[in-house]
Amino acid sequence: MYVPPDYLNLNLVEGPILNLCRPVDEPTIVREVRCTGASFSEDKKNLLLQIYTLDQPVLISASKNMRFGNESITARDYFKRVIELDDFVDFILLPGSLPHVSCFWIHIKYVGSKPDDLTFSKKDDGLFSMNAKSGEKAERRVAQRLSEKFGHSYPDEKLQGNGCFEIRYTNKKKRSPDLICSVCQLQIEVKKRNKDEKFRISHSRSRPWKEENGPLGWHALVFPDMSIHFVSNQQITKLLNSNSYVDGRNQYDAWADLDKALVQEEAPPLCS
């Protein structure tokens, strides 16, 4: 089971759900707690999580800094970026007066056995789940918009999550568009932007954009405020062909940032 690296040496004890609303005497971890809603205190300083079976909300300092891998994020931003209604969450509680939540994250489930080789990603599971679950949340928002506004159809798992994040070591899915309408087969690739409003697409010499994106497909970019911005693959192709982009890369990914001044947002087609 996952524990953020900063807490591995604390000798955490497993605690019951009631520990979330009362002080603890030793560092405690409470796992797989269902969150049914959230709000902020009047002064906006605390995040208030409604927990299934608890009569009172769990208080977390909204500005609490939490670290996963080599990245830090506030409790406020983590909840906004990652958590959805009825998701299951893990908590770390430290001794002291309330609020005593030191860290929380989406509950992680592991499917299969982790391969013992150097080709497997060494990225921290908490960091990986934070980024990937954020993408899943954005994908569901896009699917809901396309269904409600443009008449497209998707299976239930594309419209509503299973409440946790799965890390799969076996039977991993092959690369395919994020959303494919079950009626008209319209293909949509979803890109979540967590910290900026860049029109960024996956692109590199080893994996050129055109090899993984059909000419009739679309991209949906979801900005930090969860607003959705649609751009056709035809327009993206024109921008790439005219060199209207800037290359970028890090140790995990490579991309192209399209010239935002030239991007024209479009409405995707209605389901036929």
Protein backbone atom coordinates (compact mmCIF):
# COMPACT_ATOMS: atom_id res chain seq x y z
CA MET A 1 0.00 0.00 0.00
CA TYR A 2 1.25 3.46 -0.86
CA VAL A 3 2.68 5.90 1.69
CA PRO A 4 4.29 9.23 0.64
CA PRO A 5 8.10 9.06 1.06
CA ASP A 6 8.13 11.85 3.68
CA TYR A 7 6.14 9.60 6.07
CA LEU A 8 7.86 6.24 5.58
CA ASN A 9 9.95 6.59 8.76
CA LEU A 10 7.10 7.56 11.09
CA ASN A 11 6.00 4.02 12.04
CA LEU A 12 2.43 4.79 11.03
CA VAL A 13 -0.36 2.78 12.63
CA GLU A 14 -3.58 1.91 10.84
CA GLY A 15 -6.51 3.75 12.39
CA PRO A 16 -10.33 3.68 12.17
CA ILE A 17 -12.38 6.30 10.38
CA LEU A 18 -13.40 7.95 13.69
CA ASN A 19 -9.81 9.16 14.10
CA LEU A 20 -10.51 11.70 11.36
CA CYS A 21 -12.55 13.85 13.73
CA ARG A 22 -10.60 13.42 16.97
CA PRO A 23 -6.95 13.95 18.01
CA VAL A 24 -4.57 10.98 17.71
CA ASP A 25 -1.72 10.00 20.06
CA GLU A 26 0.63 8.69 17.36
CA PRO A 27 1.13 9.10 13.59
CA THR A 28 -1.83 7.36 12.00
CA ILE A 29 -2.97 6.39 8.53
CA VAL A 30 -6.66 5.99 7.71
CA ARG A 31 -7.33 4.34 4.36
CA GLU A 32 -10.10 4.11 1.78
CA VAL A 33 -12.50 6.71 3.21
CA ARG A 34 -15.32 7.82 0.92
CA CYS A 35 -15.64 11.57 0.38
CA THR A 36 -19.21 12.63 -0.39
CA GLY A 37 -18.74 16.40 -0.66
CA ALA A 38 -16.55 19.38 0.19
CA SER A 39 -16.69 23.06 1.06
CA PHE A 40 -14.52 25.78 2.59
CA SER A 41 -14.74 27.46 5.95
CA GLU A 42 -16.03 31.05 5.93
CA ASP A 43 -12.49 32.43 6.14
CA LYS A 44 -11.39 30.06 3.32
CA LYS A 45 -8.55 28.78 5.50
CA ASN A 46 -9.84 25.23 5.93
CA LEU A 47 -11.08 22.61 3.51
CA LEU A 48 -14.09 20.73 4.92
CA LEU A 49 -14.56 17.20 3.61
CA GLN A 50 -17.84 15.41 4.09
CA ILE A 51 -17.12 11.74 4.85
CA TYR A 52 -19.57 8.88 4.49
CA THR A 53 -20.78 7.66 7.94
CA LEU A 54 -19.32 10.69 9.79
CA ASP A 55 -21.66 13.36 11.17
CA GLN A 56 -19.08 16.14 11.11
CA PRO A 57 -16.69 17.21 8.33
CA VAL A 58 -12.97 16.53 8.33
CA LEU A 59 -10.94 19.76 8.56
CA ILE A 60 -7.76 20.24 6.52
CA SER A 61 -5.77 23.45 6.26
CA ALA A 62 -6.44 24.56 2.67
CA SER A 63 -2.88 25.85 2.34
CA LYS A 64 -1.35 22.66 3.76
CA ASN A 65 1.64 21.74 1.61
CA MET A 66 1.70 18.07 0.59
CA ARG A 67 4.56 16.38 -1.27
CA PHE A 68 4.40 13.47 -3.70
CA GLY A 69 7.67 12.46 -5.30
CA ASN A 70 9.48 15.68 -6.18
CA GLU A 71 6.36 17.85 -6.43
CA SER A 72 4.45 19.81 -3.81
CA ILE A 73 0.80 20.83 -3.93
CA THR A 74 -1.60 22.50 -1.49
CA ALA A 75 -4.56 20.57 -0.11
CA ARG A 76 -6.88 23.02 -1.86
CA ASP A 77 -5.31 22.45 -5.27
CA TYR A 78 -5.04 18.68 -4.83
CA PHE A 79 -8.73 18.38 -4.06
CA LYS A 80 -9.72 20.64 -6.95
CA ARG A 81 -7.43 18.88 -9.40
CA VAL A 82 -7.87 15.22 -8.44
CA ILE A 83 -10.83 14.33 -6.21
CA GLU A 84 -14.34 13.62 -7.52
CA LEU A 85 -17.65 13.02 -5.75
CA ASP A 86 -17.66 9.68 -3.88
CA ASP A 87 -13.93 9.09 -4.37
CA PHE A 88 -12.03 7.08 -1.75
CA VAL A 89 -9.21 8.92 0.00
CA ASP A 90 -6.31 7.97 2.30
CA PHE A 91 -5.28 10.27 5.19
CA ILE A 92 -2.21 10.72 7.36
CA LEU A 93 -2.90 12.19 10.81
CA LEU A 94 -0.28 13.58 13.17
CA PRO A 95 -0.64 14.09 16.94
CA GLY A 96 -1.91 17.52 17.93
CA SER A 97 -5.05 19.60 17.97
CA LEU A 98 -7.48 19.70 15.05
CA PRO A 99 -7.05 20.05 12.13
CA HIS A 100 -4.49 17.27 12.30
CA VAL A 101 -4.56 16.00 8.71
CA SER A 102 -1.02 16.23 7.40
CA CYS A 103 -1.59 14.65 3.99
CA PHE A 104 -4.29 12.98 1.90
CA TRP A 105 -4.42 11.40 -1.57
CA ILE A 106 -6.64 9.37 -3.86
CA HIS A 107 -6.77 5.73 -2.75
CA ILE A 108 -4.48 3.63 -4.97
CA LYS A 109 -5.20 0.04 -5.98
CA TYR A 110 -2.56 -2.16 -7.57
CA VAL A 111 -3.46 -4.65 -10.28
CA GLY A 112 -0.89 -7.37 -10.98
CA SER A 113 2.74 -7.56 -9.84
CA LYS A 114 5.27 -4.81 -10.41
CA PRO A 115 7.95 -5.95 -12.89
CA ASP A 116 11.44 -6.08 -11.42
CA ASP A 117 13.35 -4.43 -14.26
CA LEU A 118 14.90 -1.07 -15.10
CA THR A 119 12.47 -0.31 -17.93
CA PHE A 120 9.57 0.31 -15.55
CA SER A 121 8.90 3.91 -14.54
CA LYS A 122 10.45 4.95 -11.22
CA LYS A 123 8.05 7.84 -10.77
CA ASP A 124 6.56 7.99 -7.26
CA ASP A 125 3.13 6.30 -7.22
CA GLY A 126 1.55 9.25 -5.42
CA LEU A 127 2.86 11.68 -8.02
CA PHE A 128 1.84 9.39 -10.86
CA SER A 129 -1.67 8.90 -9.46
CA MET A 130 -2.08 12.65 -8.82
CA ASN A 131 -1.31 13.51 -12.43
CA ALA A 132 -3.10 10.58 -14.04
CA LYS A 133 -6.25 10.87 -11.88
CA SER A 134 -6.36 14.57 -12.73
CA GLY A 135 -6.43 13.51 -16.37
CA GLU A 136 -9.20 11.00 -15.70
CA LYS A 137 -11.27 13.67 -13.96
CA ALA A 138 -10.82 15.99 -16.94
CA GLU A 139 -11.68 13.19 -19.34
CA ARG A 140 -14.98 12.57 -17.56
CA ARG A 141 -15.82 16.29 -17.65
CA VAL A 142 -15.22 16.32 -21.41
CA ALA A 143 -17.31 13.16 -21.91
CA GLN A 144 -20.16 14.70 -19.93
CA ARG A 145 -19.98 17.92 -22.01
CA LEU A 146 -19.93 16.01 -25.30
CA SER A 147 -22.86 13.87 -24.15
CA GLU A 148 -25.02 16.72 -22.84
CA LYS A 149 -24.26 19.40 -25.44
CA PHE A 150 -23.39 17.48 -28.60
CA GLY A 151 -25.32 14.21 -28.26
CA HIS A 152 -22.36 11.80 -28.17
CA SER A 153 -22.55 8.49 -26.32
CA TYR A 154 -19.99 6.86 -24.02
CA PRO A 155 -19.94 3.84 -21.69
CA ASP A 156 -20.66 4.47 -18.03
CA GLU A 157 -17.00 4.15 -16.98
CA LYS A 158 -16.17 7.16 -19.17
CA LEU A 159 -18.82 9.27 -17.43
CA GLN A 160 -18.28 8.16 -13.84
CA GLY A 161 -15.17 6.86 -12.08
CA ASN A 162 -14.76 3.83 -9.82
CA GLY A 163 -13.75 5.90 -6.78
CA CYS A 164 -10.03 5.15 -6.71
CA PHE A 165 -6.96 5.12 -8.94
CA GLU A 166 -5.67 1.84 -10.38
CA ILE A 167 -2.01 1.22 -11.19
CA ARG A 168 -1.94 -1.71 -13.60
CA TYR A 169 1.17 -3.85 -13.99
CA THR A 170 -0.57 -6.47 -16.15
CA ASN A 171 -3.17 -6.35 -18.93
CA LYS A 172 -2.36 -2.72 -19.59
CA LYS A 173 -4.52 -1.03 -22.19
CA LYS A 174 -3.07 -0.30 -25.61
CA ARG A 175 -2.69 3.32 -26.66
CA SER A 176 -5.97 4.66 -28.12
CA PRO A 177 -7.91 7.95 -28.16
CA ASP A 178 -9.29 8.90 -24.74
CA LEU A 179 -12.90 9.16 -25.93
CA ILE A 180 -14.60 7.43 -28.86
CA CYS A 181 -18.33 8.02 -29.39
CA SER A 182 -20.10 4.65 -29.48
CA VAL A 183 -22.52 5.94 -32.15
CA CYS A 184 -20.56 8.10 -34.62
CA GLN A 185 -17.01 7.02 -33.61
CA LEU A 186 -15.81 10.62 -33.15
CA GLN A 187 -12.37 10.46 -31.50
CA ILE A 188 -11.34 12.96 -28.82
CA GLU A 189 -7.93 13.20 -27.12
CA VAL A 190 -8.09 14.96 -23.72
CA LYS A 191 -5.17 17.01 -22.38
CA LYS A 192 -5.33 18.36 -18.81
CA ARG A 193 -3.37 21.52 -18.02
CA ASN A 194 -2.88 21.77 -14.26
CA LYS A 195 -0.70 24.86 -13.93
CA ASP A 196 -1.13 26.88 -17.13
CA GLU A 197 -3.34 27.48 -20.17
CA LYS A 198 -1.00 26.19 -22.87
CA PHE A 199 -2.26 24.35 -25.92
CA ARG A 200 0.18 21.47 -25.44
CA ILE A 201 0.05 18.22 -27.42
CA SER A 202 2.19 15.07 -27.31
CA HIS A 203 4.83 15.22 -30.05
CA SER A 204 8.43 14.09 -30.53
CA ARG A 205 10.74 12.74 -33.23
CA SER A 206 10.37 9.21 -31.90
CA ARG A 207 6.57 9.52 -31.56
CA PRO A 208 5.36 12.11 -34.10
CA TRP A 209 1.95 13.54 -33.41
CA LYS A 210 0.52 12.47 -36.77
CA GLU A 211 1.30 8.79 -36.12
CA GLU A 212 -1.10 8.65 -33.14
CA ASN A 213 -3.80 11.14 -34.14
CA GLY A 214 -6.22 10.73 -37.04
CA PRO A 215 -7.10 13.67 -39.31
CA LEU A 216 -10.78 13.57 -38.34
CA GLY A 217 -10.19 13.51 -34.58
CA TRP A 218 -10.22 16.32 -32.05
CA HIS A 219 -8.35 17.51 -28.98
CA ALA A 220 -10.01 18.82 -25.83
CA LEU A 221 -7.74 20.82 -23.51
CA VAL A 222 -8.92 21.30 -19.93
CA PHE A 223 -7.40 24.29 -18.14
CA PRO A 224 -6.83 24.66 -14.37
CA ASP A 225 -10.28 26.23 -13.88
CA MET A 226 -11.75 23.07 -15.55
CA SER A 227 -12.85 25.02 -18.62
CA ILE A 228 -12.83 22.93 -21.82
CA HIS A 229 -11.30 24.08 -25.11
CA PHE A 230 -11.82 22.09 -28.33
CA VAL A 231 -9.41 22.13 -31.30
CA SER A 232 -9.65 19.89 -34.39
CA ASN A 233 -6.75 17.66 -35.39
CA GLN A 234 -6.90 19.25 -38.85
CA GLN A 235 -6.07 22.64 -37.33
CA ILE A 236 -3.31 21.14 -35.17
CA THR A 237 -1.77 19.53 -38.27
CA LYS A 238 -1.70 22.90 -40.05
CA LEU A 239 -0.02 24.57 -37.07
CA LEU A 240 2.61 21.82 -36.84
CA ASN A 241 3.28 21.93 -40.60
CA SER A 242 3.80 25.69 -40.43
CA ASN A 243 6.17 25.32 -37.44
CA SER A 244 3.79 27.36 -35.27
CA TYR A 245 4.86 25.63 -32.09
CA VAL A 246 7.69 25.27 -29.57
CA ASP A 247 9.23 21.89 -28.68
CA GLY A 248 9.63 20.83 -25.05
CA ARG A 249 10.64 17.77 -23.03
CA ASN A 250 11.48 16.45 -19.58
CA GLN A 251 12.74 13.10 -18.30
CA TYR A 252 9.35 11.45 -18.94
CA ASP A 253 7.64 13.20 -21.86
CA ALA A 254 8.05 15.27 -25.03
CA TRP A 255 5.56 17.78 -26.40
CA ALA A 256 4.78 20.72 -28.66
CA ASP A 257 3.25 23.97 -27.36
CA LEU A 258 1.08 25.41 -30.13
CA ASP A 259 1.21 29.15 -30.77
CA LYS A 260 -1.76 30.24 -28.66
CA ALA A 261 -2.25 33.42 -30.71
CA LEU A 262 -2.95 31.27 -33.79
CA VAL A 263 -5.18 28.62 -32.20
CA GLN A 264 -8.85 29.03 -33.06
CA GLU A 265 -11.19 27.16 -30.73
CA GLU A 266 -13.97 25.25 -32.46
CA ALA A 267 -17.19 23.50 -31.57
CA PRO A 268 -16.97 19.73 -32.12
CA PRO A 269 -19.49 18.16 -34.49
CA LEU A 270 -22.85 16.91 -33.29
CA CYS A 271 -23.31 13.16 -33.08
CA SER A 272 -24.62 11.84 -36.38
